[in-house]
Amino acid sequence: MELGIGMFGDLNVNSKGEVQSAAQRLPEIIEEIKLMDQLGLDFFGIGEHHRPDYAVSVPEIVLAAASTVTKNIKLGSAVTVLSSSDPVRVYQSFSTIDLISNGRAEINVGRGSFTESFPLFGYDLKDYDELFEEKLELLLKINNEKKISWKGEFRAPLVNQEVYPRASKDHLDIWVAVGGTPESVVRAARFGLPVIFAIIGGNPAQFKPLFDYYREAYTHFGHKPENFRVGVHMHAMFGENGNQVAEDYYPLYSAQMNRVGRQRGWPPYQKSQYDLGRTMNGHLIIGDANEAVDKILHYQELFGLTRFSAHMDVGGPSHDLLMKSIEIFGDKIAPEIRKALAKNST
């Protein structure tokens, strides 16, 4: 199972409502990715947002910068909001990162949990599903074919057009991020694409039928079982003392849940939700190394995971806190998980 970290580039908001500058946060992210690479983590993903509380609107630029100071870690988006992007430009951007990084780029595409990019780039939310379907088909066609002839509803047609530069192996790894809809699962299975499920609330076991459905659909569409890949993206934070890191992190986490929740009509976030989320049947992996190892292995067995992504910057924790959390993940958690999985496979 691959072990890595996802981030959105959250900016810290202090008690006065003052937002950390992107100028401060962006170099910190590069330092954090460097540490992940040094610790031997498998992948890093950075999100795309067009909001004042996030530092990253163009993941490709952050990943290009990271590619020059890392050696082994895979570098991808988490996610690219494909519905409001141009698939030609998306491919070109990531193929360029792939060439700079010696074949380490990947794309995670999704429809996005926020909608700011739609009016920003001139798209109508009523076309939410149709935009993603059409643009995913075009992106995959570009990825798989050197000369493109294509016609759709939302973009000018392509006639015998070649898209350059080509990725290092003339192919980019493309994942689909889904929030839990059967339609998204079937779409990914039809194209034979790996899926990463965002499990950010409730009891993760409730997602088991969707994992099973995806596996069945993947086989139904004739794809080879040995190529099957599936992952989860879960909110995480690690410390030397599990209860202490949980207490320290709660104010930042709950403040972010409330900022988002006010816009979506959610009730105020409660400490009881946080505490329940930290239990073995909860969606939060927040605690010490032993707690994290047990919980990640539990969900690996439940879902048959081939990838686990720790989403580690929710609410804008400090650079120091993140660096410590990354260190624990790479030095203590990842080795124990790898050892346990190797033992189970013999």
Protein backbone atom coordinates (compact mmCIF):
# COMPACT_ATOMS: atom_id res chain seq x y z
CA MET A 1 0.00 0.00 0.00
CA GLU A 2 1.27 3.46 -0.90
CA LEU A 3 1.44 5.95 1.96
CA GLY A 4 1.38 9.67 1.36
CA ILE A 5 0.06 13.07 2.34
CA GLY A 6 -2.49 15.41 0.84
CA MET A 7 -2.84 19.12 1.53
CA PHE A 8 -5.10 21.95 0.42
CA GLY A 9 -2.77 24.78 1.38
CA ASP A 10 -5.00 25.97 4.23
CA LEU A 11 -4.06 29.37 5.60
CA ASN A 12 -4.07 29.92 9.34
CA VAL A 13 -6.80 32.27 10.60
CA ASN A 14 -5.97 33.72 14.01
CA SER A 15 -8.37 34.71 16.79
CA LYS A 16 -8.71 38.21 15.31
CA GLY A 17 -9.78 36.80 11.95
CA GLU A 18 -6.47 37.72 10.34
CA VAL A 19 -5.49 35.31 7.56
CA GLN A 20 -1.93 34.11 7.08
CA SER A 21 -0.38 35.32 3.82
CA ALA A 22 0.06 32.97 0.89
CA ALA A 23 3.58 34.39 0.58
CA GLN A 24 4.42 32.83 3.94
CA ARG A 25 2.56 29.55 3.44
CA LEU A 26 3.80 28.56 -0.03
CA PRO A 27 7.53 28.24 0.87
CA GLU A 28 6.50 26.27 3.96
CA ILE A 29 4.66 23.77 1.75
CA ILE A 30 7.80 23.22 -0.33
CA GLU A 31 9.81 22.55 2.85
CA GLU A 32 7.16 20.07 4.00
CA ILE A 33 7.26 18.21 0.68
CA LYS A 34 11.07 18.04 0.88
CA LEU A 35 10.76 16.37 4.29
CA MET A 36 8.19 13.87 2.96
CA ASP A 37 10.62 12.91 0.20
CA GLN A 38 13.54 12.55 2.62
CA LEU A 39 11.43 10.28 4.85
CA GLY A 40 10.54 7.99 1.95
CA LEU A 41 6.81 8.67 1.71
CA ASP A 42 5.30 7.51 -1.56
CA PHE A 43 3.27 10.47 -2.80
CA PHE A 44 2.11 14.03 -2.17
CA GLY A 45 -1.05 15.71 -3.43
CA ILE A 46 -2.02 19.39 -3.32
CA GLY A 47 -5.52 20.76 -3.86
CA GLU A 48 -6.94 23.50 -6.08
CA HIS A 49 -9.05 26.20 -4.44
CA HIS A 50 -10.04 29.73 -5.39
CA ARG A 51 -10.83 31.11 -1.93
CA PRO A 52 -9.16 33.57 0.46
CA ASP A 53 -8.47 30.88 3.09
CA TYR A 54 -6.31 28.70 0.81
CA ALA A 55 -2.86 29.42 -0.63
CA VAL A 56 -3.01 27.21 -3.73
CA SER A 57 -5.13 27.91 -6.80
CA VAL A 58 -2.71 26.35 -9.30
CA PRO A 59 -1.38 23.01 -7.98
CA GLU A 60 0.82 22.57 -11.04
CA ILE A 61 3.09 25.48 -10.07
CA VAL A 62 3.59 24.19 -6.53
CA LEU A 63 4.32 20.70 -7.88
CA ALA A 64 6.77 22.02 -10.46
CA ALA A 65 8.64 23.84 -7.69
CA ALA A 66 8.61 20.71 -5.52
CA SER A 67 9.88 18.55 -8.37
CA THR A 68 13.19 20.43 -8.38
CA VAL A 69 13.92 19.80 -4.67
CA THR A 70 12.74 16.16 -4.39
CA LYS A 71 14.01 12.90 -5.83
CA ASN A 72 11.55 10.05 -5.37
CA ILE A 73 8.12 11.12 -4.13
CA LYS A 74 5.22 11.11 -6.60
CA LEU A 75 3.71 14.56 -7.09
CA GLY A 76 0.05 15.09 -7.93
CA SER A 77 -3.02 17.25 -7.53
CA ALA A 78 -5.64 16.64 -4.84
CA VAL A 79 -7.67 17.52 -6.81
CA THR A 80 -7.62 19.22 -10.18
CA VAL A 81 -11.13 20.62 -10.66
CA LEU A 82 -11.46 19.25 -14.16
CA SER A 83 -14.98 20.57 -14.78
CA SER A 84 -13.69 24.16 -14.89
CA SER A 85 -10.31 23.40 -16.48
CA ASP A 86 -9.14 22.84 -20.04
CA PRO A 87 -8.07 19.18 -20.43
CA VAL A 88 -5.45 20.12 -23.03
CA ARG A 89 -3.81 22.56 -20.64
CA VAL A 90 -4.13 20.12 -17.72
CA TYR A 91 -2.29 17.45 -19.68
CA GLN A 92 0.41 19.88 -20.83
CA SER A 93 0.98 21.17 -17.30
CA PHE A 94 1.33 17.74 -15.74
CA SER A 95 3.36 16.28 -18.58
CA THR A 96 5.78 19.16 -18.07
CA ILE A 97 5.99 18.37 -14.34
CA ASP A 98 6.49 14.73 -15.29
CA LEU A 99 9.47 15.61 -17.47
CA ILE A 100 11.02 17.92 -14.86
CA SER A 101 10.60 15.27 -12.14
CA ASN A 102 11.78 12.29 -14.17
CA GLY A 103 8.39 10.60 -14.36
CA ARG A 104 6.89 11.36 -10.93
CA ALA A 105 3.77 13.37 -11.87
CA GLU A 106 0.21 12.15 -11.52
CA ILE A 107 -3.22 13.76 -11.76
CA ASN A 108 -6.14 13.39 -9.36
CA VAL A 109 -9.25 14.75 -11.04
CA GLY A 110 -12.55 15.58 -9.40
CA ARG A 111 -15.56 17.85 -9.63
CA GLY A 112 -14.47 19.86 -6.59
CA SER A 113 -16.10 20.31 -3.19
CA PHE A 114 -16.29 24.10 -3.67
CA THR A 115 -17.81 25.89 -6.65
CA GLU A 116 -15.87 29.18 -6.92
CA SER A 117 -13.99 28.03 -10.03
CA PHE A 118 -17.17 27.77 -12.13
CA PRO A 119 -18.10 31.47 -12.33
CA LEU A 120 -14.41 32.40 -12.22
CA PHE A 121 -13.74 30.58 -15.48
CA GLY A 122 -17.12 31.18 -17.09
CA TYR A 123 -18.94 27.89 -16.51
CA ASP A 124 -22.52 27.27 -15.42
CA LEU A 125 -23.15 25.06 -12.38
CA LYS A 126 -26.18 23.57 -14.11
CA ASP A 127 -23.67 21.75 -16.34
CA TYR A 128 -21.78 20.36 -13.31
CA ASP A 129 -22.00 16.67 -14.24
CA GLU A 130 -21.87 17.04 -18.02
CA LEU A 131 -18.73 19.19 -17.85
CA PHE A 132 -16.83 16.61 -15.83
CA GLU A 133 -17.91 13.69 -18.00
CA GLU A 134 -16.93 15.40 -21.25
CA LYS A 135 -13.64 16.79 -19.99
CA LEU A 136 -12.57 13.50 -18.41
CA GLU A 137 -13.15 11.72 -21.71
CA LEU A 138 -11.03 14.30 -23.53
CA LEU A 139 -8.23 14.18 -20.94
CA LEU A 140 -8.06 10.39 -21.21
CA LYS A 141 -8.05 10.57 -25.00
CA ILE A 142 -5.12 13.00 -24.91
CA ASN A 143 -3.33 10.74 -22.44
CA ASN A 144 -3.79 7.65 -24.59
CA GLU A 145 -3.49 8.97 -28.15
CA LYS A 146 -0.83 11.09 -29.85
CA LYS A 147 -3.12 12.57 -32.51
CA ILE A 148 -6.55 13.76 -31.40
CA SER A 149 -9.79 14.28 -33.27
CA TRP A 150 -12.57 15.16 -30.88
CA LYS A 151 -15.79 17.14 -30.64
CA GLY A 152 -17.83 18.04 -27.55
CA GLU A 153 -20.39 20.52 -26.26
CA PHE A 154 -18.30 22.75 -24.00
CA ARG A 155 -15.03 23.17 -25.88
CA ALA A 156 -13.88 23.86 -29.43
CA PRO A 157 -13.27 20.65 -31.42
CA LEU A 158 -9.83 19.20 -32.12
CA VAL A 159 -8.99 17.91 -35.59
CA ASN A 160 -5.87 15.76 -36.01
CA GLN A 161 -4.27 17.78 -33.23
CA GLU A 162 -1.15 16.72 -31.35
CA VAL A 163 -0.66 17.79 -27.72
CA TYR A 164 2.85 18.49 -26.46
CA PRO A 165 4.98 17.88 -24.52
CA ARG A 166 4.29 14.19 -24.02
CA ALA A 167 4.84 12.67 -20.58
CA SER A 168 8.09 10.80 -19.97
CA LYS A 169 6.55 7.38 -20.72
CA ASP A 170 3.93 8.91 -23.03
CA HIS A 171 1.37 8.31 -20.29
CA LEU A 172 0.30 10.00 -17.04
CA ASP A 173 -1.24 8.19 -14.09
CA ILE A 174 -4.75 9.61 -13.62
CA TRP A 175 -6.83 8.99 -10.48
CA VAL A 176 -10.45 9.99 -9.87
CA ALA A 177 -11.38 11.47 -6.48
CA VAL A 178 -14.95 10.76 -5.41
CA GLY A 179 -17.04 11.82 -2.45
CA GLY A 180 -19.31 8.80 -2.37
CA THR A 181 -21.72 8.81 -5.34
CA PRO A 182 -22.37 5.54 -7.21
CA GLU A 183 -22.33 7.41 -10.54
CA SER A 184 -18.75 8.56 -9.94
CA VAL A 185 -17.71 5.02 -9.03
CA VAL A 186 -19.21 3.55 -12.19
CA ARG A 187 -17.60 6.23 -14.36
CA ALA A 188 -14.16 5.51 -12.96
CA ALA A 189 -14.66 1.76 -13.31
CA ARG A 190 -15.79 2.13 -16.92
CA PHE A 191 -12.54 3.88 -17.78
CA GLY A 192 -10.45 1.54 -15.61
CA LEU A 193 -9.20 4.41 -13.46
CA PRO A 194 -8.03 4.14 -9.85
CA VAL A 195 -10.28 5.83 -7.29
CA ILE A 196 -9.54 7.68 -4.09
CA PHE A 197 -12.48 8.09 -1.74
CA ALA A 198 -12.64 11.22 0.42
CA ILE A 199 -13.87 9.95 3.79
CA ILE A 200 -14.22 13.10 5.87
CA GLY A 201 -17.23 12.37 8.07
CA GLY A 202 -19.23 9.65 9.79
CA ASN A 203 -18.31 5.99 10.14
CA PRO A 204 -16.00 5.00 7.26
CA ALA A 205 -17.48 1.49 7.28
CA GLN A 206 -20.55 3.02 5.64
CA PHE A 207 -18.41 3.37 2.51
CA LYS A 208 -17.81 -0.40 2.26
CA PRO A 209 -20.70 -1.01 -0.20
CA LEU A 210 -19.23 1.64 -2.53
CA PHE A 211 -15.80 0.01 -2.42
CA ASP A 212 -17.41 -3.34 -3.23
CA TYR A 213 -19.49 -1.76 -5.99
CA TYR A 214 -16.40 -0.18 -7.53
CA ARG A 215 -14.52 -3.49 -7.47
CA GLU A 216 -17.46 -5.32 -9.08
CA ALA A 217 -17.92 -2.63 -11.75
CA TYR A 218 -14.17 -2.58 -12.50
CA THR A 219 -14.29 -6.33 -13.21
CA HIS A 220 -17.57 -6.01 -15.11
CA PHE A 221 -15.99 -3.59 -17.59
CA GLY A 222 -13.25 -6.11 -18.33
CA HIS A 223 -10.26 -4.56 -16.57
CA LYS A 224 -7.51 -6.76 -15.16
CA PRO A 225 -7.81 -7.35 -11.39
CA GLU A 226 -4.05 -6.97 -10.96
CA ASN A 227 -4.36 -3.34 -12.10
CA PHE A 228 -7.07 -2.50 -9.54
CA ARG A 229 -6.13 0.38 -7.24
CA VAL A 230 -8.20 2.14 -4.60
CA GLY A 231 -7.36 4.62 -1.86
CA VAL A 232 -8.77 6.81 0.88
CA HIS A 233 -8.16 10.41 1.84
CA MET A 234 -8.77 11.03 5.56
CA HIS A 235 -8.12 13.97 7.88
CA ALA A 236 -5.04 13.30 10.00
CA MET A 237 -2.59 14.81 12.48
CA PHE A 238 0.10 13.00 14.46
CA GLY A 239 2.01 13.78 17.65
CA GLU A 240 4.13 12.08 20.30
CA ASN A 241 1.22 12.16 22.76
CA GLY A 242 -2.10 11.29 21.12
CA ASN A 243 -4.41 13.07 23.54
CA GLN A 244 -2.21 16.15 23.65
CA VAL A 245 -1.96 16.57 19.88
CA ALA A 246 -5.72 16.05 19.63
CA GLU A 247 -6.39 18.78 22.21
CA ASP A 248 -3.93 21.17 20.60
CA TYR A 249 -5.34 20.59 17.12
CA TYR A 250 -9.05 20.75 17.98
CA PRO A 251 -9.42 24.57 17.98
CA LEU A 252 -7.92 24.82 14.49
CA TYR A 253 -9.91 21.90 13.12
CA SER A 254 -13.25 22.96 14.59
CA ALA A 255 -12.77 26.55 13.41
CA GLN A 256 -12.30 25.34 9.83
CA MET A 257 -15.32 23.02 10.06
CA ASN A 258 -17.38 26.00 11.23
CA ARG A 259 -16.09 28.34 8.51
CA VAL A 260 -17.11 25.86 5.85
CA GLY A 261 -20.23 24.82 7.72
CA ARG A 262 -21.65 28.35 7.93
CA GLN A 263 -21.60 28.54 4.14
CA ARG A 264 -23.29 25.17 3.78
CA GLY A 265 -25.87 25.42 6.54
CA TRP A 266 -24.24 22.94 8.90
CA PRO A 267 -24.82 23.18 12.67
CA PRO A 268 -21.85 24.28 14.80
CA TYR A 269 -19.12 21.66 15.08
CA GLN A 270 -19.09 19.85 18.43
CA LYS A 271 -16.22 18.39 20.47
CA SER A 272 -18.24 15.18 20.72
CA GLN A 273 -18.06 14.84 16.91
CA TYR A 274 -14.31 15.23 17.05
CA ASP A 275 -13.91 12.68 19.85
CA LEU A 276 -16.15 10.19 18.06
CA GLY A 277 -14.20 10.72 14.86
CA ARG A 278 -10.99 9.74 16.68
CA THR A 279 -12.35 6.33 17.75
CA MET A 280 -11.61 3.16 15.76
CA ASN A 281 -14.91 3.56 13.89
CA GLY A 282 -14.39 7.25 13.16
CA HIS A 283 -13.08 9.19 10.19
CA LEU A 284 -10.29 11.12 11.95
CA ILE A 285 -6.78 9.70 12.27
CA ILE A 286 -5.54 12.11 14.91
CA GLY A 287 -3.27 10.84 17.65
CA ASP A 288 0.03 9.11 18.27
CA ALA A 289 1.87 6.67 16.03
CA ASN A 290 0.41 3.52 17.58
CA GLU A 291 -3.15 4.79 17.25
CA ALA A 292 -2.54 5.73 13.63
CA VAL A 293 -0.93 2.40 12.70
CA ASP A 294 -3.84 0.40 14.16
CA LYS A 295 -6.46 2.53 12.46
CA ILE A 296 -4.81 2.69 9.03
CA LEU A 297 -4.28 -1.09 9.04
CA HIS A 298 -7.93 -1.55 10.08
CA TYR A 299 -9.18 0.39 7.08
CA GLN A 300 -6.64 -1.19 4.76
CA GLU A 301 -8.08 -4.59 5.64
CA LEU A 302 -11.71 -3.42 5.52
CA PHE A 303 -11.47 -1.77 2.11
CA GLY A 304 -8.56 -3.59 0.43
CA LEU A 305 -6.66 -0.32 0.09
CA THR A 306 -3.67 0.14 -2.19
CA ARG A 307 -3.20 3.80 -1.15
CA PHE A 308 -3.69 5.84 2.02
CA SER A 309 -3.56 9.65 1.95
CA ALA A 310 -3.32 11.59 5.22
CA HIS A 311 -4.91 15.01 4.69
CA MET A 312 -2.78 16.94 7.11
CA ASP A 313 -3.32 20.72 6.94
CA VAL A 314 -7.03 21.18 7.68
CA GLY A 315 -7.53 24.49 9.47
CA GLY A 316 -4.05 25.84 8.85
CA PRO A 317 -1.91 24.26 11.58
CA SER A 318 1.52 25.80 12.07
CA HIS A 319 4.50 24.81 9.93
CA ASP A 320 6.22 23.39 13.02
CA LEU A 321 3.21 21.23 13.91
CA LEU A 322 3.00 19.94 10.35
CA MET A 323 6.70 19.17 10.17
CA LYS A 324 6.44 17.16 13.40
CA SER A 325 3.37 15.31 12.13
CA ILE A 326 5.11 14.51 8.83
CA GLU A 327 8.19 13.29 10.70
CA ILE A 328 6.11 10.90 12.83
CA PHE A 329 4.26 9.64 9.77
CA GLY A 330 7.48 8.94 7.89
CA ASP A 331 9.67 7.71 10.78
CA LYS A 332 7.22 5.76 12.94
CA ILE A 333 3.90 5.10 11.21
CA ALA A 334 4.90 4.20 7.65
CA PRO A 335 7.62 1.67 8.63
CA GLU A 336 5.25 -0.18 10.99
CA ILE A 337 2.48 -0.33 8.40
CA ARG A 338 4.85 -1.58 5.73
CA LYS A 339 6.24 -4.20 8.11
CA ALA A 340 2.75 -5.42 9.04
CA LEU A 341 1.60 -5.62 5.42
CA ALA A 342 4.75 -7.46 4.38
CA LYS A 343 4.23 -9.96 7.17
CA ASN A 344 0.59 -10.50 6.17
CA SER A 345 1.54 -11.12 2.54
CA THR A 346 3.91 -14.01 3.37
